[in-house]
């Protein structure tokens, strides 16, 4: 949120949760008077706690010194459909989250 505040532009924040071994990307908008003005976020809040308050992946928030609220949402993972891919960002072997290759949702056969 500091990037948005300092530069006055929206930002993409990469968040790596080491405990869960999970990487996620979040879009953070600039403050906008069209959004509902919500209470200011508590001081000293960890990013993990902030994200946990967005159970559906989207959340309106406001930080100190902002007159208006902003919105943040998780950017869905992009997976190429033209080659085999893995469905997890788990990076450490033996963490119980090893991914296996998954067939593409797209039909690789040419249409007749």
Protein backbone atom coordinates (compact mmCIF):
# COMPACT_ATOMS: atom_id res chain seq x y z
CA UNK A 1 0.00 0.00 0.00
CA UNK A 2 2.98 2.25 0.55
CA UNK A 3 3.79 2.03 -3.18
CA UNK A 4 0.34 3.35 -4.04
CA UNK A 5 0.52 6.11 -1.45
CA UNK A 6 4.00 7.33 -2.38
CA UNK A 7 3.65 7.14 -6.16
CA UNK A 8 -0.08 7.85 -6.54
CA UNK A 9 -0.50 4.91 -8.93
CA UNK A 10 -1.97 1.44 -8.65
CA UNK A 11 0.48 -1.37 -7.95
CA UNK A 12 0.88 -5.13 -8.13
CA UNK A 13 2.20 -6.70 -4.94
CA UNK A 14 3.81 -10.16 -4.89
CA UNK A 15 3.23 -11.98 -1.63
CA UNK A 16 5.07 -15.16 -0.65
CA UNK A 17 3.62 -16.89 2.39
CA UNK A 18 6.56 -18.90 3.68
CA UNK A 19 4.45 -20.86 6.17
CA UNK A 20 2.11 -22.11 3.44
CA UNK A 21 4.80 -22.06 0.70
CA UNK A 22 2.41 -20.15 -1.55
CA UNK A 23 3.02 -17.26 -3.96
CA UNK A 24 0.20 -14.86 -4.84
CA UNK A 25 -0.09 -11.56 -6.71
CA UNK A 26 -2.41 -8.76 -5.62
CA UNK A 27 -3.58 -5.67 -7.51
CA UNK A 28 -3.89 -2.55 -5.32
CA UNK A 29 -5.86 0.41 -6.69
CA UNK A 30 -5.38 4.07 -5.89
CA UNK A 31 -7.83 5.61 -3.38
CA UNK A 32 -11.14 6.35 -5.09
CA UNK A 33 -14.04 8.55 -3.89
CA UNK A 34 -16.50 6.21 -5.66
CA UNK A 35 -15.72 3.40 -3.18
CA UNK A 36 -17.39 3.00 0.21
CA UNK A 37 -15.25 4.74 2.83
CA UNK A 38 -14.25 1.99 5.27
CA UNK A 39 -12.40 2.31 8.61
CA UNK A 40 -8.61 2.73 8.60
CA UNK A 41 -6.59 -0.50 8.82
CA UNK A 42 -4.95 -1.16 12.20
CA UNK A 43 -1.36 -0.03 12.66
CA UNK A 44 1.28 -2.80 12.58
CA UNK A 45 -0.90 -5.30 10.72
CA UNK A 46 1.03 -8.00 8.85
CA UNK A 47 0.37 -8.51 5.15
CA UNK A 48 -0.64 -12.12 5.89
CA UNK A 49 -3.34 -10.82 8.28
CA UNK A 50 -4.50 -8.24 5.74
CA UNK A 51 -4.89 -10.85 3.00
CA UNK A 52 -6.69 -13.25 5.35
CA UNK A 53 -9.46 -10.63 5.64
CA UNK A 54 -10.16 -11.06 1.90
CA UNK A 55 -11.73 -14.54 1.87
CA UNK A 56 -13.18 -14.15 -1.63
CA UNK A 57 -9.96 -12.59 -2.93
CA UNK A 58 -11.28 -9.00 -3.00
CA UNK A 59 -11.31 -6.35 -0.33
CA UNK A 60 -11.95 -2.63 0.16
CA UNK A 61 -9.57 -0.96 2.61
CA UNK A 62 -8.24 2.42 3.72
CA UNK A 63 -4.88 3.33 5.22
CA UNK A 64 -3.87 6.22 7.40
CA UNK A 65 -3.68 9.60 5.63
CA UNK A 66 -5.97 8.48 2.78
CA UNK A 67 -9.23 10.41 2.44
CA UNK A 68 -10.76 7.58 0.38
CA UNK A 69 -10.77 3.79 0.32
CA UNK A 70 -9.00 1.62 -2.24
CA UNK A 71 -9.61 -1.92 -3.41
CA UNK A 72 -7.33 -4.92 -3.68
CA UNK A 73 -7.87 -8.28 -5.29
CA UNK A 74 -5.86 -11.39 -5.95
CA UNK A 75 -4.77 -11.81 -9.57
CA UNK A 76 -5.66 -15.33 -10.72
CA UNK A 77 -2.80 -17.56 -11.78
CA UNK A 78 -2.22 -17.59 -15.52
CA UNK A 79 -1.68 -21.07 -16.88
CA UNK A 80 -0.69 -21.67 -20.48
CA UNK A 81 -3.06 -24.01 -22.24
CA UNK A 82 -0.73 -24.98 -25.06
CA UNK A 83 1.66 -27.07 -22.94
CA UNK A 84 1.70 -29.28 -19.91
CA UNK A 85 1.69 -27.32 -16.67
CA UNK A 86 1.73 -27.66 -12.91
CA UNK A 87 -1.18 -26.44 -10.81
CA UNK A 88 0.73 -25.39 -7.68
CA UNK A 89 3.33 -22.84 -6.74
CA UNK A 90 4.78 -25.16 -4.09
CA UNK A 91 8.52 -24.82 -4.39
CA UNK A 92 9.95 -27.16 -1.76
CA UNK A 93 9.88 -30.95 -2.29
CA UNK A 94 8.37 -32.92 0.56
CA UNK A 95 5.95 -30.18 1.72
CA UNK A 96 2.91 -32.27 0.85
CA UNK A 97 1.93 -29.92 -1.95
CA UNK A 98 3.82 -31.46 -4.84
CA UNK A 99 1.85 -30.86 -7.99
CA UNK A 100 1.32 -33.29 -10.79
CA UNK A 101 0.91 -32.49 -14.45
CA UNK A 102 -2.64 -31.78 -15.46
CA UNK A 103 -4.21 -32.08 -18.89
CA UNK A 104 -5.06 -28.85 -20.63
CA UNK A 105 -8.68 -27.71 -20.51
CA UNK A 106 -8.40 -26.79 -24.17
CA UNK A 107 -8.78 -29.49 -26.79
CA UNK A 108 -5.33 -29.90 -28.43
CA UNK A 109 -6.84 -31.65 -31.46
CA UNK A 110 -7.46 -29.45 -34.52
CA UNK A 111 -11.09 -28.89 -35.36
CA UNK A 112 -12.33 -30.55 -38.56
